[in-house]
Every structure is written in structure tokens, then in C-alpha cells.
N, C-alpha and C. Protein backbone atom coordinates (compact mmCIF):
# COMPACT_ATOMS: atom_id res chain seq x y z
N MET A 1 0.79 -1.18 0.13
CA MET A 1 0.00 0.12 -0.07
C MET A 1 0.89 1.20 0.05
N PRO A 2 1.95 1.52 0.54
CA PRO A 2 2.75 2.58 0.52
C PRO A 2 3.41 2.79 -0.58
N ALA A 3 3.73 1.90 -1.28
CA ALA A 3 4.09 1.75 -2.67
C ALA A 3 3.10 2.44 -3.63
N ALA A 4 1.87 1.97 -3.70
CA ALA A 4 0.75 2.55 -4.48
C ALA A 4 0.45 4.10 -4.04
N LEU A 5 0.75 4.44 -2.86
CA LEU A 5 0.42 5.74 -2.60
C LEU A 5 1.56 6.60 -3.20
N LEU A 6 2.75 6.18 -2.92
CA LEU A 6 3.62 6.96 -3.68
C LEU A 6 3.85 7.10 -4.99
N VAL A 7 3.16 6.09 -5.59
CA VAL A 7 3.21 6.02 -7.25
C VAL A 7 1.92 6.98 -7.50
N ALA A 8 0.82 6.97 -6.95
CA ALA A 8 0.18 8.04 -6.96
C ALA A 8 0.36 9.47 -6.77
N LEU A 9 1.38 9.73 -5.81
CA LEU A 9 1.98 11.09 -5.72
C LEU A 9 2.86 11.40 -6.79
N ILE A 10 3.61 10.50 -7.36
CA ILE A 10 4.52 10.72 -8.47
C ILE A 10 3.95 10.86 -9.71
N ALA A 11 2.38 10.41 -9.86
CA ALA A 11 1.64 10.74 -10.81
C ALA A 11 1.10 12.14 -10.82
N LEU A 12 0.90 12.38 -9.67
CA LEU A 12 0.16 13.99 -9.45
C LEU A 12 1.31 15.01 -9.70
N GLU A 13 2.68 14.58 -9.07
CA GLU A 13 3.72 15.56 -9.47
C GLU A 13 3.93 15.61 -10.85
N HIS A 14 3.73 14.55 -11.72
CA HIS A 14 4.10 14.65 -13.29
C HIS A 14 3.08 15.54 -13.75
N VAL A 15 1.59 15.48 -13.26
CA VAL A 15 0.68 16.24 -13.87
C VAL A 15 1.00 17.84 -13.49
N TRP A 16 1.65 17.99 -12.46
CA TRP A 16 1.92 19.49 -12.23
C TRP A 16 3.09 19.68 -13.46
N PHE A 17 4.07 18.80 -13.73
CA PHE A 17 4.99 19.08 -14.60
C PHE A 17 4.48 19.19 -16.18
N LEU A 18 3.59 18.59 -16.38
CA LEU A 18 3.04 18.56 -17.56
C LEU A 18 2.30 20.09 -17.59
N VAL A 19 1.48 20.53 -16.65
CA VAL A 19 0.88 21.77 -16.65
C VAL A 19 2.05 22.98 -16.61
N LEU A 20 3.21 22.87 -15.93
CA LEU A 20 3.99 23.74 -15.99
C LEU A 20 4.56 23.95 -17.48
N GLU A 21 5.01 22.84 -18.07
CA GLU A 21 5.79 22.80 -19.41
C GLU A 21 4.75 23.05 -20.65
N MET A 22 3.52 22.59 -20.40
CA MET A 22 2.60 22.94 -21.45
C MET A 22 1.73 24.22 -21.45
N PHE A 23 1.39 24.68 -20.32
CA PHE A 23 0.52 25.57 -20.15
C PHE A 23 0.99 27.09 -19.50
N LEU A 24 2.16 26.78 -18.67
CA LEU A 24 2.46 27.75 -17.85
C LEU A 24 4.09 28.21 -18.33
N TRP A 25 4.54 27.71 -19.30
CA TRP A 25 6.02 27.84 -19.90
C TRP A 25 6.23 29.44 -19.86
N GLN A 26 5.31 30.18 -20.59
CA GLN A 26 5.89 31.53 -20.81
C GLN A 26 5.17 32.53 -20.09
N LYS A 27 4.54 32.09 -18.73
CA LYS A 27 3.87 32.67 -17.92
C LYS A 27 4.80 33.17 -16.61
N PRO A 28 4.17 33.95 -15.88
CA PRO A 28 5.39 34.28 -14.64
C PRO A 28 6.00 33.46 -13.93
N LEU A 29 5.07 32.29 -13.56
CA LEU A 29 5.31 31.16 -12.81
C LEU A 29 6.36 30.08 -13.39
N GLY A 30 6.04 30.01 -14.52
CA GLY A 30 6.72 29.16 -15.60
C GLY A 30 8.22 29.75 -15.65
N LEU A 31 8.21 31.02 -15.91
CA LEU A 31 9.62 31.94 -16.10
C LEU A 31 10.26 31.86 -14.84
N LYS A 32 9.70 31.98 -13.79
CA LYS A 32 10.48 31.83 -12.45
C LYS A 32 10.79 30.51 -12.07
N THR A 33 10.32 29.70 -12.29
CA THR A 33 10.59 28.34 -12.31
C THR A 33 11.59 27.62 -13.00
N PHE A 34 11.82 27.86 -14.43
CA PHE A 34 12.59 27.73 -15.02
C PHE A 34 13.99 28.62 -15.44
N GLN A 35 13.56 29.70 -14.67
CA GLN A 35 14.60 30.83 -14.63
C GLN A 35 15.12 31.04 -16.32
N GLN A 36 13.90 31.57 -16.98
CA GLN A 36 14.17 32.04 -18.05
C GLN A 36 13.52 33.47 -18.49
N THR A 37 14.09 33.83 -19.54
CA THR A 37 13.47 35.20 -19.95
C THR A 37 12.28 34.92 -20.75
N PRO A 38 11.35 35.87 -20.80
CA PRO A 38 10.49 35.83 -21.69
C PRO A 38 10.89 35.35 -23.31
N GLU A 39 11.93 35.86 -23.70
CA GLU A 39 12.38 35.71 -24.99
C GLU A 39 12.92 34.13 -25.30
N ASP A 40 13.69 33.61 -24.13
CA ASP A 40 14.28 32.39 -24.26
C ASP A 40 12.99 31.54 -24.14
N ALA A 41 11.91 31.73 -23.31
CA ALA A 41 10.67 30.74 -23.41
C ALA A 41 9.88 30.68 -24.48
N ALA A 42 9.86 31.81 -25.24
CA ALA A 42 8.98 31.93 -26.61
C ALA A 42 9.89 31.10 -27.49
N LYS A 43 11.38 31.01 -27.37
CA LYS A 43 11.88 30.26 -28.51
C LYS A 43 11.72 28.65 -28.08
N THR A 44 11.64 28.26 -26.98
CA THR A 44 11.49 26.90 -26.48
C THR A 44 10.18 26.40 -26.32
N ALA A 45 8.88 27.29 -26.42
CA ALA A 45 7.81 26.64 -26.02
C ALA A 45 7.33 25.46 -26.51
N VAL A 46 7.54 25.15 -27.81
CA VAL A 46 7.39 24.24 -28.42
C VAL A 46 7.84 22.88 -27.81
N LEU A 47 9.14 22.93 -27.69
CA LEU A 47 9.86 21.99 -26.88
C LEU A 47 9.39 21.61 -25.75
N ALA A 48 9.10 22.78 -24.95
CA ALA A 48 8.59 22.34 -23.57
C ALA A 48 7.16 21.65 -23.49
N ALA A 49 6.39 22.17 -24.50
CA ALA A 49 5.06 21.51 -24.55
C ALA A 49 5.32 20.02 -25.04
N ASN A 50 6.40 19.71 -25.77
CA ASN A 50 6.61 18.38 -26.10
C ASN A 50 6.96 17.57 -24.92
N GLN A 51 7.72 18.24 -24.25
CA GLN A 51 8.38 17.70 -22.71
C GLN A 51 7.23 17.33 -21.98
N GLY A 52 6.37 18.06 -21.94
CA GLY A 52 4.98 18.28 -20.77
C GLY A 52 4.16 17.10 -21.53
N LEU A 53 4.00 16.92 -22.75
CA LEU A 53 3.19 15.72 -23.17
C LEU A 53 3.76 14.32 -22.78
N TYR A 54 5.39 14.30 -22.73
CA TYR A 54 5.67 13.04 -22.20
C TYR A 54 5.63 12.82 -20.96
N ASN A 55 5.46 13.89 -20.03
CA ASN A 55 4.96 13.59 -18.61
C ASN A 55 3.83 13.17 -18.55
N GLY A 56 2.98 13.58 -19.45
CA GLY A 56 1.45 13.19 -19.51
C GLY A 56 1.57 11.76 -19.58
N PHE A 57 2.30 11.26 -20.63
CA PHE A 57 2.32 9.72 -20.86
C PHE A 57 2.64 9.06 -19.67
N LEU A 58 3.67 9.43 -18.89
CA LEU A 58 4.26 8.99 -17.61
C LEU A 58 2.92 8.82 -16.55
N VAL A 59 2.22 9.96 -16.51
CA VAL A 59 1.04 10.09 -15.61
C VAL A 59 0.11 9.19 -15.98
N ALA A 60 -0.36 8.69 -17.46
CA ALA A 60 -1.17 7.71 -17.78
C ALA A 60 -0.61 6.36 -17.33
N GLY A 61 0.57 6.06 -17.54
CA GLY A 61 0.96 4.79 -17.08
C GLY A 61 0.96 4.50 -15.68
N LEU A 62 1.37 5.30 -14.98
CA LEU A 62 1.30 5.40 -13.52
C LEU A 62 0.05 5.22 -12.96
N VAL A 63 -1.01 5.73 -13.57
CA VAL A 63 -2.16 5.61 -13.06
C VAL A 63 -2.73 4.61 -13.45
N TRP A 64 -2.57 4.11 -14.65
CA TRP A 64 -3.15 2.81 -15.27
C TRP A 64 -2.54 1.57 -14.43
N SER A 65 -1.53 1.73 -13.90
CA SER A 65 -0.70 0.68 -13.13
C SER A 65 -1.50 0.59 -11.68
N LEU A 66 -2.10 1.70 -11.37
CA LEU A 66 -2.90 1.84 -10.10
C LEU A 66 -4.13 0.97 -10.15
N PHE A 67 -4.75 0.91 -11.15
CA PHE A 67 -5.83 0.01 -11.46
C PHE A 67 -6.03 -1.30 -12.10
N VAL A 68 -4.74 -1.75 -12.42
CA VAL A 68 -4.64 -3.07 -12.97
C VAL A 68 -4.17 -4.10 -11.90
N PRO A 69 -4.82 -5.25 -11.71
CA PRO A 69 -4.55 -6.29 -10.63
C PRO A 69 -3.14 -6.64 -10.86
N ASN A 70 -2.69 -7.09 -9.82
CA ASN A 70 -1.26 -7.67 -9.88
C ASN A 70 -1.51 -9.20 -10.46
N PRO A 71 -0.29 -9.67 -10.90
CA PRO A 71 1.17 -9.20 -10.93
C PRO A 71 1.44 -8.11 -11.93
N PHE A 72 0.49 -7.93 -13.25
CA PHE A 72 0.71 -7.09 -14.18
C PHE A 72 0.73 -5.70 -13.74
N GLY A 73 -0.17 -5.26 -12.64
CA GLY A 73 -0.14 -4.11 -12.11
C GLY A 73 1.22 -3.67 -11.41
N TRP A 74 1.67 -4.56 -10.53
CA TRP A 74 3.09 -4.37 -10.11
C TRP A 74 4.30 -4.10 -11.00
N GLN A 75 3.90 -4.99 -12.28
CA GLN A 75 5.14 -4.72 -13.20
C GLN A 75 4.96 -3.60 -14.08
N LEU A 76 3.80 -2.78 -14.10
CA LEU A 76 3.61 -1.74 -14.65
C LEU A 76 4.02 -0.45 -13.88
N LYS A 77 3.71 -0.70 -12.62
CA LYS A 77 4.47 0.35 -11.44
C LYS A 77 5.91 0.34 -11.59
N LEU A 78 6.55 -0.78 -11.48
CA LEU A 78 7.91 -1.04 -11.74
C LEU A 78 8.40 -0.35 -12.93
N PHE A 79 7.83 -0.63 -14.30
CA PHE A 79 8.33 -0.13 -15.34
C PHE A 79 8.28 1.41 -15.40
N PHE A 80 6.98 1.93 -15.12
CA PHE A 80 6.80 3.43 -15.07
C PHE A 80 7.61 4.17 -14.15
N VAL A 81 7.73 3.41 -12.81
CA VAL A 81 8.48 4.34 -12.04
C VAL A 81 9.88 4.46 -12.18
N ALA A 82 10.30 3.17 -12.95
CA ALA A 82 11.78 3.17 -13.51
C ALA A 82 12.15 4.18 -14.48
N CYS A 83 11.13 4.48 -15.30
CA CYS A 83 11.11 5.38 -16.35
C CYS A 83 11.33 6.75 -15.50
N VAL A 84 10.66 7.10 -14.87
CA VAL A 84 10.66 8.22 -14.20
C VAL A 84 11.85 8.37 -13.42
N LEU A 85 12.41 7.55 -12.80
CA LEU A 85 13.89 7.52 -12.19
C LEU A 85 14.97 8.01 -13.17
N VAL A 86 14.94 6.92 -14.17
CA VAL A 86 15.94 7.43 -15.46
C VAL A 86 15.72 8.88 -15.77
N ALA A 87 14.63 9.33 -15.92
CA ALA A 87 14.51 10.69 -16.49
C ALA A 87 15.13 11.64 -15.39
N GLY A 88 14.68 11.38 -13.97
CA GLY A 88 15.19 12.16 -13.01
C GLY A 88 16.68 12.17 -12.91
N VAL A 89 17.21 11.07 -13.24
CA VAL A 89 18.73 11.15 -13.09
C VAL A 89 19.26 11.82 -14.34
N TYR A 90 18.65 11.49 -15.42
CA TYR A 90 19.18 12.26 -16.80
C TYR A 90 18.94 13.74 -16.50
N GLY A 91 17.86 14.21 -16.06
CA GLY A 91 17.58 15.75 -16.10
C GLY A 91 18.56 16.10 -14.92
N GLY A 92 18.86 15.42 -13.73
CA GLY A 92 19.61 15.90 -12.61
C GLY A 92 21.11 16.13 -13.12
N LEU A 93 21.43 15.17 -14.16
CA LEU A 93 22.90 15.29 -14.78
C LEU A 93 23.16 16.44 -15.87
N THR A 94 21.97 16.31 -16.30
CA THR A 94 22.12 17.42 -17.74
C THR A 94 21.44 18.60 -17.55
N ALA A 95 20.47 18.90 -16.83
CA ALA A 95 19.70 19.87 -17.06
C ALA A 95 19.87 20.89 -15.77
N LYS A 96 19.25 20.32 -14.43
CA LYS A 96 19.52 20.92 -13.14
C LYS A 96 19.40 19.86 -12.01
N ARG A 97 20.27 20.33 -11.09
CA ARG A 97 20.54 19.09 -9.88
C ARG A 97 19.12 18.88 -9.40
N THR A 98 18.32 19.85 -8.92
CA THR A 98 17.12 19.54 -8.26
C THR A 98 16.07 18.60 -8.71
N ILE A 99 16.39 18.30 -10.26
CA ILE A 99 15.33 17.30 -10.86
C ILE A 99 15.75 15.89 -10.16
N LEU A 100 17.12 15.72 -10.27
CA LEU A 100 17.52 14.49 -9.45
C LEU A 100 16.58 14.12 -8.08
N TYR A 101 16.46 15.35 -7.39
CA TYR A 101 15.98 15.23 -6.20
C TYR A 101 14.32 15.17 -6.01
N LEU A 102 13.91 16.09 -6.86
CA LEU A 102 12.31 16.19 -7.16
C LEU A 102 11.74 15.02 -7.62
N GLN A 103 12.32 14.57 -8.85
CA GLN A 103 11.73 13.61 -9.78
C GLN A 103 12.42 12.30 -9.28
N GLY A 104 13.76 12.42 -9.13
CA GLY A 104 14.35 10.84 -8.97
C GLY A 104 14.16 10.39 -7.76
N GLY A 105 14.29 11.22 -6.73
CA GLY A 105 14.11 10.87 -5.20
C GLY A 105 12.80 9.85 -4.92
N PRO A 106 11.55 10.62 -5.29
CA PRO A 106 10.38 9.95 -4.98
C PRO A 106 10.46 8.37 -5.70
N ALA A 107 11.02 8.69 -7.09
CA ALA A 107 10.94 7.26 -7.67
C ALA A 107 11.70 6.02 -7.22
N ALA A 108 12.99 6.62 -6.60
CA ALA A 108 13.84 5.69 -6.05
C ALA A 108 13.11 5.11 -4.80
N ILE A 109 12.58 5.87 -4.25
CA ILE A 109 11.74 5.52 -2.75
C ILE A 109 10.77 4.39 -3.18
N ALA A 110 10.01 4.93 -4.18
CA ALA A 110 8.85 4.01 -4.71
C ALA A 110 9.42 2.82 -5.32
N LEU A 111 10.55 2.71 -6.07
CA LEU A 111 11.06 1.55 -6.24
C LEU A 111 11.76 0.43 -5.13
N LEU A 112 12.18 1.02 -4.12
CA LEU A 112 12.52 0.30 -3.03
C LEU A 112 11.38 -0.44 -2.42
N LEU A 113 10.34 0.75 -2.41
CA LEU A 113 8.92 0.26 -1.65
C LEU A 113 8.10 -1.05 -2.40
N LEU A 114 8.51 -1.09 -3.78
CA LEU A 114 7.93 -2.17 -4.60
C LEU A 114 8.55 -3.18 -4.48
N PHE A 115 9.49 -3.42 -3.75
CA PHE A 115 10.12 -4.61 -3.63
C PHE A 115 10.15 -5.27 -2.26
N LEU A 116 9.36 -4.42 -1.33
CA LEU A 116 9.02 -5.00 0.13
C LEU A 116 8.09 -6.05 -0.10
N PRO A 117 8.16 -6.92 0.90
CA PRO A 117 7.04 -7.76 0.73
C PRO A 117 5.71 -7.46 1.08
N GLY A 118 4.94 -7.77 0.45
CA GLY A 118 3.41 -7.53 0.25
C GLY A 118 3.19 -6.26 -0.80
N ALA A 119 4.26 -5.89 -1.49
CA ALA A 119 3.84 -4.80 -2.31
C ALA A 119 3.46 -5.44 -3.73
N ARG A 120 3.40 -6.84 -3.78
CA ARG A 120 3.22 -6.90 -5.27
C ARG A 120 1.51 -7.54 -5.04
């Protein structure tokens, strides 16, 4: 149960990333969050929206995994949480260190929880 709760929270986190990247990228909150000028945000808005869409796909998979019975539901959780972890590590190494903690941290904890007895 703790693993499923964390998977749901990770999904919510990625809904927020989708909103930031697809709808708020050029707005004051998006500019502040991503430390961009309006000019730079305008140049990268299409790329950010594409990135937001991919976060939406992660949300879809994470939510799907919560409603599918085990063992397939557990396998889906494992796959999509691992995808989030890989994205968090990559983003932390290439874009901004905080991505490692905000995205990768919860995913790493969720992966550990998924392997606890009773998580399947």
C-alpha cells in the first residue's frame, strides 16, 4: 500500500510538470520556475510543450498501474517508476540538479517500496 500511494503522488507530481511545461512555460510562474527570460521561453515553448506531453504519458502509465490487478499492475508500476527514475537522473545530470531530488528521489523510494514484501 505505501508503494501505491507513492506511485499516485509521483503521478500527481508529473501532472504538475505537464501543466508547467505545456501551459505555464511562458507565464510568470513558468519563467520563474525554469529561470528563463520571456524571449528564451518563447523560443523553447514548443519543445517544452512536447516535454510536458511526455510527462502526461508517464502520468497515464502510473495511473494505469494503480488500477490493474497484480502481478501485471506491479510490473507496470515497476516499469513506469523506473522510467521516472531514469528521467530524473538524466535531468539531474544534464539540466538542473534539483530534478534529481524532486523527480528521481520519490521514484527511487517507490522502487524500493515496490520490492518490499506485500507490495506485489
